[in-house]
C-alpha atoms as a PDB file:
ATOM      1  CA  MET A   1     -29.399  19.070  13.372  1.00  0.00           C
ATOM      2  CA  ASN A   2     -27.499  17.900  10.672  1.00  0.00           C
ATOM      3  CA  SER A   3     -25.359  19.846   8.361  1.00  0.00           C
ATOM      4  CA  SER A   4     -27.806  20.960   5.870  1.00  0.00           C
ATOM      5  CA  LYS A   5     -29.817  23.049   8.671  1.00  0.00           C
ATOM      6  CA  LEU A   6     -26.573  24.724   9.971  1.00  0.00           C
ATOM      7  CA  ARG A   7     -26.096  25.606   6.445  1.00  0.00           C
ATOM      8  CA  TYR A   8     -29.874  27.397   6.446  1.00  0.00           C
ATOM      9  CA  ILE A   9     -29.354  29.271   9.997  1.00  0.00           C
ATOM     10  CA  VAL A  10     -25.927  30.682   8.571  1.00  0.00           C
ATOM     11  CA  ALA A  11     -27.028  31.536   5.709  1.00  0.00           C
ATOM     12  CA  VAL A  12     -29.704  33.642   6.687  1.00  0.00           C
ATOM     13  CA  ASP A  13     -27.562  35.175   9.796  1.00  0.00           C
ATOM     14  CA  ARG A  14     -24.839  35.966   6.737  1.00  0.00           C
ATOM     15  CA  PHE A  15     -27.127  37.217   4.077  1.00  0.00           C
ATOM     16  CA  GLY A  16     -29.610  38.641   6.249  1.00  0.00           C
ATOM     17  CA  SER A  17     -33.158  37.843   5.028  1.00  0.00           C
ATOM     18  CA  MET A  18     -34.752  34.928   3.974  1.00  0.00           C
ATOM     19  CA  THR A  19     -35.685  35.655   0.375  1.00  0.00           C
ATOM     20  CA  ALA A  20     -31.030  36.451  -0.318  1.00  0.00           C
ATOM     21  CA  ALA A  21     -30.417  33.589   1.979  1.00  0.00           C
ATOM     22  CA  ALA A  22     -32.309  30.926  -0.376  1.00  0.00           C
ATOM     23  CA  THR A  23     -31.213  32.848  -3.587  1.00  0.00           C
ATOM     24  CA  ALA A  24     -27.368  32.514  -2.538  1.00  0.00           C
ATOM     25  CA  ILE A  25     -27.781  28.874  -1.668  1.00  0.00           C
ATOM     26  CA  HIS A  26     -30.569  27.223  -4.452  1.00  0.00           C
ATOM     27  CA  VAL A  27     -33.036  27.171  -1.998  1.00  0.00           C
ATOM     28  CA  SER A  28     -37.323  27.720  -2.640  1.00  0.00           C
ATOM     29  CA  GLN A  29     -37.882  30.501   0.083  1.00  0.00           C
ATOM     30  CA  PRO A  30     -40.490  28.371   1.473  1.00  0.00           C
ATOM     31  CA  SER A  31     -38.157  25.383   2.553  1.00  0.00           C
ATOM     32  CA  LEU A  32     -35.798  27.447   3.766  1.00  0.00           C
ATOM     33  CA  THR A  33     -38.513  29.458   6.263  1.00  0.00           C
ATOM     34  CA  ARG A  34     -40.219  25.327   7.699  1.00  0.00           C
ATOM     35  CA  THR A  35     -35.800  24.804   8.106  1.00  0.00           C
ATOM     36  CA  VAL A  36     -35.043  27.817  10.435  1.00  0.00           C
ATOM     37  CA  ALA A  37     -38.616  27.289  12.499  1.00  0.00           C
ATOM     38  CA  GLU A  38     -38.112  23.432  12.755  1.00  0.00           C
ATOM     39  CA  VAL A  39     -34.283  24.342  14.154  1.00  0.00           C
ATOM     40  CA  GLU A  40     -35.342  27.340  16.317  1.00  0.00           C
ATOM     41  CA  LYS A  41     -38.422  24.674  17.503  1.00  0.00           C
ATOM     42  CA  GLU A  42     -35.087  21.895  18.741  1.00  0.00           C
ATOM     43  CA  LEU A  43     -33.406  23.985  20.724  1.00  0.00           C
ATOM     44  CA  GLY A  44     -36.465  26.127  21.729  1.00  0.00           C
ATOM     45  CA  ILE A  45     -35.424  29.299  20.986  1.00  0.00           C
ATOM     46  CA  ALA A  46     -36.046  31.905  19.024  1.00  0.00           C
ATOM     47  CA  LEU A  47     -32.249  32.748  16.517  1.00  0.00           C
ATOM     48  CA  PHE A  48     -33.151  35.663  14.753  1.00  0.00           C
ATOM     49  CA  GLU A  49     -35.173  38.638  14.942  1.00  0.00           C
ATOM     50  CA  ARG A  50     -37.316  39.789  12.446  1.00  0.00           C
ATOM     51  CA  ARG A  51     -37.464  43.296  11.811  1.00  0.00           C
ATOM     52  CA  ALA A  52     -38.350  45.406   8.977  1.00  0.00           C
ATOM     53  CA  ARG A  53     -34.695  45.293   7.134  1.00  0.00           C
ATOM     54  CA  GLY A  54     -34.453  41.761   7.649  1.00  0.00           C
ATOM     55  CA  MET A  55     -33.711  38.903  10.376  1.00  0.00           C
ATOM     56  CA  VAL A  56     -31.176  39.440  13.071  1.00  0.00           C
ATOM     57  CA  ALA A  57     -30.126  37.205  15.482  1.00  0.00           C
ATOM     58  CA  THR A  58     -30.354  36.879  19.030  1.00  0.00           C
ATOM     59  CA  ALA A  59     -28.462  37.243  21.522  1.00  0.00           C
ATOM     60  CA  GLN A  60     -28.749  33.609  22.316  1.00  0.00           C
ATOM     61  CA  GLY A  61     -29.037  32.495  18.603  1.00  0.00           C
ATOM     62  CA  ARG A  62     -25.811  34.254  17.719  1.00  0.00           C
ATOM     63  CA  SER A  63     -24.690  32.044  20.298  1.00  0.00           C
ATOM     64  CA  ILE A  64     -25.649  29.276  17.898  1.00  0.00           C
ATOM     65  CA  ILE A  65     -24.943  30.678  14.273  1.00  0.00           C
ATOM     66  CA  ASP A  66     -21.406  30.841  15.213  1.00  0.00           C
ATOM     67  CA  ARG A  67     -20.982  27.358  16.515  1.00  0.00           C
ATOM     68  CA  ALA A  68     -22.767  26.455  13.449  1.00  0.00           C
ATOM     69  CA  ALA A  69     -20.140  27.947  11.278  1.00  0.00           C
ATOM     70  CA  ARG A  70     -17.325  26.724  12.924  1.00  0.00           C
ATOM     71  CA  ILE A  71     -18.827  23.248  12.004  1.00  0.00           C
ATOM     72  CA  LEU A  72     -19.414  23.637   8.789  1.00  0.00           C
ATOM     73  CA  ALA A  73     -16.044  24.761   7.894  1.00  0.00           C
ATOM     74  CA  ASP A  74     -14.699  22.309   9.552  1.00  0.00           C
ATOM     75  CA  ILE A  75     -17.070  19.724   7.606  1.00  0.00           C
ATOM     76  CA  GLU A  76     -15.159  21.864   4.022  1.00  0.00           C
ATOM     77  CA  ARG A  77     -11.642  21.210   5.907  1.00  0.00           C
ATOM     78  CA  LEU A  78     -12.380  17.068   6.474  1.00  0.00           C
ATOM     79  CA  ASP A  79     -13.834  17.230   2.761  1.00  0.00           C
ATOM     80  CA  MET A  80     -10.919  18.958   1.321  1.00  0.00           C
ATOM     81  CA  ASP A  81      -8.382  16.593   3.025  1.00  0.00           C
ATOM     82  CA  ALA A  82     -10.280  13.719   1.318  1.00  0.00           C
ATOM     83  CA  LYS A  83     -10.508  15.059  -2.216  1.00  0.00           C
ATOM     84  CA  GLU A  84      -6.230  15.740  -0.994  1.00  0.00           C
ATOM     85  CA  PHE A  85      -5.873  12.403  -0.199  1.00  0.00           C
ATOM     86  CA  ARG A  86      -7.869  10.270  -3.151  1.00  0.00           C
ATOM     87  CA  ALA A  87      -5.889  12.626  -4.901  1.00  0.00           C
ATOM     88  CA  TYR A  88      -2.509  11.571  -3.319  1.00  0.00           C
ATOM     89  CA  ARG A  89      -3.442   7.436  -3.850  1.00  0.00           C
ATOM     90  CA  GLU A  90      -3.751   8.224  -7.371  1.00  0.00           C
ATOM     91  CA  SER A  91      -0.385   9.511  -7.188  1.00  0.00           C
ATOM     92  CA  HIS A  92       1.041   7.541  -5.198  1.00  0.00           C
ATOM     93  CA  LEU A  93       1.450   4.443  -4.534  1.00  0.00           C
ATOM     94  CA  ARG A  94       3.904   2.490  -1.791  1.00  0.00           C
ATOM     95  CA  LEU A  95       4.427  -1.171  -1.827  1.00  0.00           C
ATOM     96  CA  CYS A  96       6.083  -3.026   0.269  1.00  0.00           C
ATOM     97  CA  ILE A  97       7.938  -6.350  -1.268  1.00  0.00           C
ATOM     98  CA  SER A  98       8.660  -9.821   1.115  1.00  0.00           C
ATOM     99  CA  PRO A  99      11.075 -11.388   1.014  1.00  0.00           C
ATOM    100  CA  PRO A 100      13.202  -9.274  -1.078  1.00  0.00           C
ATOM    101  CA  PRO A 101      14.577 -11.798  -3.305  1.00  0.00           C
ATOM    102  CA  LEU A 102      10.818 -10.814  -5.321  1.00  0.00           C
ATOM    103  CA  ILE A 103      11.847  -7.339  -5.654  1.00  0.00           C
ATOM    104  CA  THR A 104      13.197  -9.177  -9.213  1.00  0.00           C
ATOM    105  CA  LEU A 105       8.610  -9.204  -9.455  1.00  0.00           C
ATOM    106  CA  MET A 106       8.584  -5.437 -10.392  1.00  0.00           C
ATOM    107  CA  ASN A 107      11.353  -5.724 -12.867  1.00  0.00           C
ATOM    108  CA  PRO A 108       8.818  -5.504 -16.237  1.00  0.00           C
ATOM    109  CA  ALA A 109       6.069  -3.862 -14.791  1.00  0.00           C
ATOM    110  CA  LEU A 110       7.220  -1.798 -13.309  1.00  0.00           C
ATOM    111  CA  PRO A 111       8.779   0.246 -16.129  1.00  0.00           C
ATOM    112  CA  GLN A 112       5.203  -0.835 -17.972  1.00  0.00           C
ATOM    113  CA  LEU A 113       3.007   0.543 -14.826  1.00  0.00           C
ATOM    114  CA  LEU A 114       5.389   4.385 -15.426  1.00  0.00           C
ATOM    115  CA  SER A 115       5.205   3.972 -18.959  1.00  0.00           C
ATOM    116  CA  HIS A 116       0.899   4.053 -17.954  1.00  0.00           C
ATOM    117  CA  HIS A 117       0.922   6.706 -15.148  1.00  0.00           C
ATOM    118  CA  PRO A 118       4.378   9.433 -15.589  1.00  0.00           C
ATOM    119  CA  GLN A 119       2.460  10.961 -12.707  1.00  0.00           C
ATOM    120  CA  LEU A 120       3.239   8.553 -10.885  1.00  0.00           C
ATOM    121  CA  LYS A 121       5.400   8.703  -7.464  1.00  0.00           C
ATOM    122  CA  VAL A 122       6.237   5.426  -6.095  1.00  0.00           C
ATOM    123  CA  ASP A 123       8.156   3.480  -2.799  1.00  0.00           C
ATOM    124  CA  ILE A 124       8.902   0.554  -2.691  1.00  0.00           C
ATOM    125  CA  LYS A 125      10.448  -1.533   0.272  1.00  0.00           C
ATOM    126  CA  SER A 126      11.639  -4.613   0.642  1.00  0.00           C
ATOM    127  CA  LEU A 127      10.856  -5.993   4.012  1.00  0.00           C
ATOM    128  CA  ALA A 128      11.034  -8.954   6.222  1.00  0.00           C
ATOM    129  CA  THR A 129       7.474 -10.651   6.202  1.00  0.00           C
ATOM    130  CA  ASP A 130       6.390  -9.509   9.428  1.00  0.00           C
ATOM    131  CA  ASN A 131       8.044  -5.605   9.273  1.00  0.00           C
ATOM    132  CA  ALA A 132       5.565  -5.365   5.903  1.00  0.00           C
ATOM    133  CA  ILE A 133       2.345  -6.489   7.903  1.00  0.00           C
ATOM    134  CA  SER A 134       2.712  -4.050  10.413  1.00  0.00           C
ATOM    135  CA  LEU A 135       2.913  -0.795   7.438  1.00  0.00           C
ATOM    136  CA  LEU A 136       0.201  -2.179   5.648  1.00  0.00           C
ATOM    137  CA  ARG A 137      -2.067  -3.158   8.938  1.00  0.00           C
ATOM    138  CA  ALA A 138      -1.233   0.621   9.399  1.00  0.00           C
ATOM    139  CA  GLY A 139      -1.900   1.819   6.903  1.00  0.00           C
ATOM    140  CA  ASP A 140       1.369   3.280   5.509  1.00  0.00           C
ATOM    141  CA  CYS A 141       1.249   0.783   3.066  1.00  0.00           C
ATOM    142  CA  ASP A 142      -1.401   0.115  -0.078  1.00  0.00           C
ATOM    143  CA  LEU A 143       0.154  -3.540  -1.575  1.00  0.00           C
ATOM    144  CA  ILE A 144       2.434  -5.585  -0.274  1.00  0.00           C
ATOM    145  CA  ILE A 145       4.261  -8.256  -2.630  1.00  0.00           C
ATOM    146  CA  GLY A 146       4.589 -11.516  -0.243  1.00  0.00           C
ATOM    147  CA  PRO A 147       3.789 -15.268   0.153  1.00  0.00           C
ATOM    148  CA  THR A 148       0.074 -16.247  -0.248  1.00  0.00           C
ATOM    149  CA  GLN A 149       1.018 -18.391   2.920  1.00  0.00           C
ATOM    150  CA  ALA A 150       1.832 -15.911   4.902  1.00  0.00           C
ATOM    151  CA  LEU A 151      -0.754 -12.988   4.088  1.00  0.00           C
ATOM    152  CA  GLU A 152      -3.581 -15.478   3.548  1.00  0.00           C
ATOM    153  CA  GLU A 153      -3.310 -16.119   6.943  1.00  0.00           C
ATOM    154  CA  LYS A 154      -4.539 -12.263   8.023  1.00  0.00           C
ATOM    155  CA  ARG A 155      -8.456 -12.121   7.675  1.00  0.00           C
ATOM    156  CA  GLU A 156      -8.295  -8.282   7.255  1.00  0.00           C
ATOM    157  CA  PHE A 157      -6.049  -8.917   3.930  1.00  0.00           C
ATOM    158  CA  LYS A 158      -7.644  -9.464   0.522  1.00  0.00           C
ATOM    159  CA  ILE A 159      -4.935 -11.988  -1.198  1.00  0.00           C
ATOM    160  CA  ILE A 160      -4.721 -11.670  -4.936  1.00  0.00           C
ATOM    161  CA  PRO A 161      -2.918 -14.255  -6.589  1.00  0.00           C
ATOM    162  CA  LEU A 162      -0.031 -14.263  -8.299  1.00  0.00           C
ATOM    163  CA  LYS A 163       1.383 -16.388 -10.882  1.00  0.00           C
ATOM    164  CA  PRO A 164       4.037 -19.059  -9.154  1.00  0.00           C
ATOM    165  CA  PHE A 165       7.731 -17.381  -8.091  1.00  0.00           C
ATOM    166  CA  ASP A 166      10.699 -19.729  -9.231  1.00  0.00           C
ATOM    167  CA  ALA A 167      14.069 -19.332  -7.833  1.00  0.00           C
ATOM    168  CA  TYR A 168      17.422 -20.049  -8.658  1.00  0.00           C
ATOM    169  CA  PHE A 169      20.940 -20.703  -6.741  1.00  0.00           C
ATOM    170  CA  PHE A 170      23.500 -17.610  -7.878  1.00  0.00           C
ATOM    171  CA  THR A 171      27.228 -17.677  -6.843  1.00  0.00           C
ATOM    172  CA  ARG A 172      30.010 -15.767  -8.298  1.00  0.00           C
ATOM    173  CA  ARG A 173      31.909 -17.084 -11.936  1.00  0.00           C
ATOM    174  CA  SER A 174      34.192 -18.411 -10.162  1.00  0.00           C
ATOM    175  CA  HIS A 175      32.547 -20.531  -7.503  1.00  0.00           C
ATOM    176  CA  PRO A 176      33.302 -24.455  -7.659  1.00  0.00           C
ATOM    177  CA  LEU A 177      29.866 -24.523  -8.200  1.00  0.00           C
ATOM    178  CA  THR A 178      29.878 -23.575 -10.929  1.00  0.00           C
ATOM    179  CA  LYS A 179      33.097 -26.088 -12.569  1.00  0.00           C
ATOM    180  CA  LYS A 180      30.718 -29.274 -11.236  1.00  0.00           C
ATOM    181  CA  ARG A 181      27.680 -29.804 -14.373  1.00  0.00           C
ATOM    182  CA  ALA A 182      25.585 -31.136 -12.126  1.00  0.00           C
ATOM    183  CA  VAL A 183      24.764 -29.671  -8.981  1.00  0.00           C
ATOM    184  CA  SER A 184      22.985 -31.155  -5.957  1.00  0.00           C
ATOM    185  CA  LYS A 185      21.581 -29.941  -2.576  1.00  0.00           C
ATOM    186  CA  GLN A 186      24.310 -31.095  -0.631  1.00  0.00           C
ATOM    187  CA  HIS A 187      26.731 -30.234  -2.744  1.00  0.00           C
ATOM    188  CA  ILE A 188      24.711 -25.995  -2.399  1.00  0.00           C
ATOM    189  CA  LEU A 189      25.241 -26.515   1.271  1.00  0.00           C
ATOM    190  CA  ASN A 190      28.397 -27.380   1.193  1.00  0.00           C
ATOM    191  CA  TYR A 191      29.731 -23.373   1.226  1.00  0.00           C
ATOM    192  CA  PRO A 192      27.856 -20.548   3.477  1.00  0.00           C
ATOM    193  CA  LEU A 193      24.248 -19.375   2.523  1.00  0.00           C
ATOM    194  CA  VAL A 194      22.437 -15.447   2.073  1.00  0.00           C
ATOM    195  CA  LEU A 195      19.145 -15.156   2.939  1.00  0.00           C
ATOM    196  CA  PRO A 196      16.999 -11.969   3.038  1.00  0.00           C
ATOM    197  CA  GLU A 197      14.931 -12.397   6.000  1.00  0.00           C
ATOM    198  CA  ARG A 198      15.901 -14.976   9.202  1.00  0.00           C
ATOM    199  CA  ASP A 199      11.697 -15.580   9.280  1.00  0.00           C
ATOM    200  CA  GLY A 200       8.735 -15.274   7.392  1.00  0.00           C
ATOM    201  CA  ALA A 201       9.029 -16.171   3.702  1.00  0.00           C
ATOM    202  CA  SER A 202      13.108 -16.105   2.958  1.00  0.00           C
ATOM    203  CA  PRO A 203      12.742 -19.708   4.651  1.00  0.00           C
ATOM    204  CA  GLU A 204       9.769 -21.117   3.204  1.00  0.00           C
ATOM    205  CA  ILE A 205      11.792 -20.761  -0.763  1.00  0.00           C
ATOM    206  CA  THR A 206      14.772 -22.343   0.652  1.00  0.00           C
ATOM    207  CA  SER A 207      12.329 -25.102   1.572  1.00  0.00           C
ATOM    208  CA  ARG A 208      11.113 -25.377  -1.479  1.00  0.00           C
ATOM    209  CA  LEU A 209      14.541 -24.805  -3.046  1.00  0.00           C
ATOM    210  CA  PHE A 210      16.156 -28.066  -0.991  1.00  0.00           C
ATOM    211  CA  GLY A 211      12.515 -29.686  -1.310  1.00  0.00           C
ATOM    212  CA  ASP A 212      13.384 -32.611   2.273  1.00  0.00           C
ATOM    213  CA  THR A 213      16.823 -31.761   2.692  1.00  0.00           C
ATOM    214  CA  GLU A 214      17.304 -30.015   6.168  1.00  0.00           C
ATOM    215  CA  ILE A 215      19.616 -27.078   6.271  1.00  0.00           C
ATOM    216  CA  PRO A 216      21.084 -28.211   9.442  1.00  0.00           C
ATOM    217  CA  ALA A 217      20.609 -25.732  12.468  1.00  0.00           C
ATOM    218  CA  ASP A 218      24.426 -25.004  11.932  1.00  0.00           C
ATOM    219  CA  HIS A 219      24.627 -24.471   8.628  1.00  0.00           C
ATOM    220  CA  PRO A 220      26.125 -20.591   7.976  1.00  0.00           C
ATOM    221  CA  ILE A 221      23.495 -17.995   7.424  1.00  0.00           C
ATOM    222  CA  HIS A 222      24.314 -15.008   6.270  1.00  0.00           C
ATOM    223  CA  ILE A 223      20.843 -12.602   6.280  1.00  0.00           C
ATOM    224  CA  ILE A 224      21.074  -9.594   4.663  1.00  0.00           C
ATOM    225  CA  GLY A 225      17.605  -7.775   3.720  1.00  0.00           C
ATOM    226  CA  HIS A 226      19.655  -5.659   0.863  1.00  0.00           C
ATOM    227  CA  PHE A 227      19.917  -7.757  -2.548  1.00  0.00           C
ATOM    228  CA  PRO A 228      22.621  -5.165  -4.164  1.00  0.00           C
ATOM    229  CA  LEU A 229      24.733  -5.825  -1.100  1.00  0.00           C
ATOM    230  CA  ALA A 230      24.335  -9.289  -0.916  1.00  0.00           C
ATOM    231  CA  CYS A 231      25.479  -9.139  -4.001  1.00  0.00           C
ATOM    232  CA  GLU A 232      28.128  -7.904  -2.886  1.00  0.00           C
ATOM    233  CA  VAL A 233      28.682 -10.753  -0.878  1.00  0.00           C
ATOM    234  CA  VAL A 234      28.517 -13.137  -2.921  1.00  0.00           C
ATOM    235  CA  ALA A 235      31.142 -11.515  -5.601  1.00  0.00           C
ATOM    236  CA  ALA A 236      33.619 -12.070  -3.012  1.00  0.00           C
ATOM    237  CA  THR A 237      32.831 -14.808  -1.348  1.00  0.00           C
ATOM    238  CA  ASP A 238      32.051 -18.953  -1.704  1.00  0.00           C
ATOM    239  CA  ALA A 239      28.343 -17.841  -0.198  1.00  0.00           C
ATOM    240  CA  VAL A 240      25.650 -18.825  -1.923  1.00  0.00           C
ATOM    241  CA  ALA A 241      22.442 -16.733  -2.511  1.00  0.00           C
ATOM    242  CA  THR A 242      18.462 -17.130  -4.344  1.00  0.00           C
ATOM    243  CA  VAL A 243      17.439 -14.485  -7.285  1.00  0.00           C
ATOM    244  CA  GLY A 244      13.880 -14.623  -8.749  1.00  0.00           C
ATOM    245  CA  GLN A 245      12.885 -16.393 -12.605  1.00  0.00           C
ATOM    246  CA  THR A 246      13.699 -13.089 -14.199  1.00  0.00           C
ATOM    247  CA  TYR A 247      17.426 -12.299 -13.538  1.00  0.00           C
ATOM    248  CA  LEU A 248      17.725 -15.470 -16.033  1.00  0.00           C
ATOM    249  CA  ASN A 249      18.554 -13.436 -18.640  1.00  0.00           C
ATOM    250  CA  ASN A 250      19.653 -10.354 -16.765  1.00  0.00           C
ATOM    251  CA  LYS A 251      22.796  -9.811 -19.124  1.00  0.00           C
ATOM    252  CA  GLU A 252      24.684  -7.186 -17.156  1.00  0.00           C
ATOM    253  CA  PHE A 253      23.433  -9.647 -14.016  1.00  0.00           C
ATOM    254  CA  LEU A 254      25.166 -12.953 -16.131  1.00  0.00           C
ATOM    255  CA  LYS A 255      28.619 -10.526 -16.364  1.00  0.00           C
ATOM    256  CA  ARG A 256      29.739 -11.662 -12.685  1.00  0.00           C
ATOM    257  CA  PHE A 257      27.654 -14.358 -11.315  1.00  0.00           C
ATOM    258  CA  THR A 258      26.903 -17.543 -12.903  1.00  0.00           C
ATOM    259  CA  ILE A 259      22.703 -19.289 -12.076  1.00  0.00           C
ATOM    260  CA  LEU A 260      23.164 -23.443 -10.616  1.00  0.00           C
ATOM    261  CA  ASP A 261      22.373 -24.975 -12.436  1.00  0.00           C
ATOM    262  CA  PHE A 262      19.348 -26.321 -10.192  1.00  0.00           C
ATOM    263  CA  THR A 263      15.646 -26.687 -10.007  1.00  0.00           C
ATOM    264  CA  SER A 264      13.899 -26.101  -6.857  1.00  0.00           C
ATOM    265  CA  ALA A 265      11.808 -28.657  -5.919  1.00  0.00           C
ATOM    266  CA  ASP A 266       8.468 -26.510  -5.739  1.00  0.00           C
ATOM    267  CA  LYS A 267       8.305 -22.611  -6.268  1.00  0.00           C
ATOM    268  CA  LEU A 268       6.548 -20.637  -4.132  1.00  0.00           C
ATOM    269  CA  SER A 269       3.295 -19.776  -4.327  1.00  0.00           C
ATOM    270  CA  VAL A 270       2.819 -15.426  -4.028  1.00  0.00           C
ATOM    271  CA  CYS A 271       0.004 -12.772  -4.220  1.00  0.00           C
ATOM    272  CA  CYS A 272      -0.907  -9.431  -2.833  1.00  0.00           C
ATOM    273  CA  ALA A 273      -2.668  -8.265  -0.640  1.00  0.00           C
ATOM    274  CA  HIS A 274      -4.188  -5.403   0.953  1.00  0.00           C
ATOM    275  CA  ARG A 275      -6.786  -4.301   3.430  1.00  0.00           C
ATOM    276  CA  GLN A 276     -10.057  -5.419   2.806  1.00  0.00           C
ATOM    277  CA  GLU A 277     -11.572  -2.045   3.642  1.00  0.00           C
ATOM    278  CA  PHE A 278      -9.809   0.395   0.807  1.00  0.00           C
ATOM    279  CA  GLU A 279     -10.604  -0.695  -2.793  1.00  0.00           C
ATOM    280  CA  LEU A 280      -6.850  -0.479  -4.469  1.00  0.00           C
ATOM    281  CA  SER A 281      -6.547   3.500  -6.533  1.00  0.00           C
ATOM    282  CA  ALA A 282      -6.069   2.703 -10.174  1.00  0.00           C
ATOM    283  CA  PRO A 283      -2.070   2.570 -10.063  1.00  0.00           C
ATOM    284  CA  ALA A 284      -2.653  -0.133  -7.466  1.00  0.00           C
ATOM    285  CA  THR A 285      -4.993  -2.342  -9.758  1.00  0.00           C
ATOM    286  CA  ALA A 286      -3.306  -1.462 -13.092  1.00  0.00           C
ATOM    287  CA  LEU A 287      -0.259  -3.241 -11.430  1.00  0.00           C
ATOM    288  CA  VAL A 288      -1.742  -6.586 -10.265  1.00  0.00           C
ATOM    289  CA  LYS A 289      -2.960  -6.662 -13.668  1.00  0.00           C
ATOM    290  CA  LEU A 290       0.954  -6.202 -15.319  1.00  0.00           C
ATOM    291  CA  LEU A 291       2.465  -8.674 -12.095  1.00  0.00           C
ATOM    292  CA  ALA A 292      -0.894 -11.251 -12.933  1.00  0.00           C
ATOM    293  CA  GLN A 293      -0.116 -11.779 -16.450  1.00  0.00           C
END
């Protein structure tokens, strides 16, 4: 039994004859007649009474035909839902950025993406790495932009490498560190640090900035996942935070903050990750290409 056979017997019941049903569903009458006979043989019952004026469902046939009609309606609804979901995926893009400092990667890419896809609706969440992974696994996110090391460990994800992420320390403009010609690791460790998450990639970014220098266990650290709020804390205190390369030439940002003259020990390897079993939508594919440039 398959959906084609169900469609044939429902058509015969609806149009009342083999000839009319065959014409309506665009099959030959012999093929339709043969299929109905096969279904009746499989079921071991007669679905129709052959009368002079056409075909009429038997009592047993009526139960089978009505069930077949409901199944076909469900299949049609399922097909419509699938089409709607595909259309949704092409018009919506749900991103997770982890850790939050990587949001700066979107500064040049997102405006370009939206200029080419003006009808696209974007939902970007800046989250801790574990939370982003949970959303992607649950199907509540299409793509993660995050640290390669943390994401490539998850075998169910497909990894697309991006350019390494270079992080920088920044402070308020009147911070004591801005008066130093050269800023060392130990200079920075004289002040509180602002990190977007306690675990995940944030410590990895910081460790790459500091190299072999360890951050003392009792060092004051503020965990603030919302970048604008982190900026306000830095503006009002002596705390030091990290920011991405795109802010090096951001005039509005530089009116309030100073990016310290400090070279990181290493850059962070970053990537895009999505579930292995799903292909990326056209907008998601376009975004990945922009980020890789």
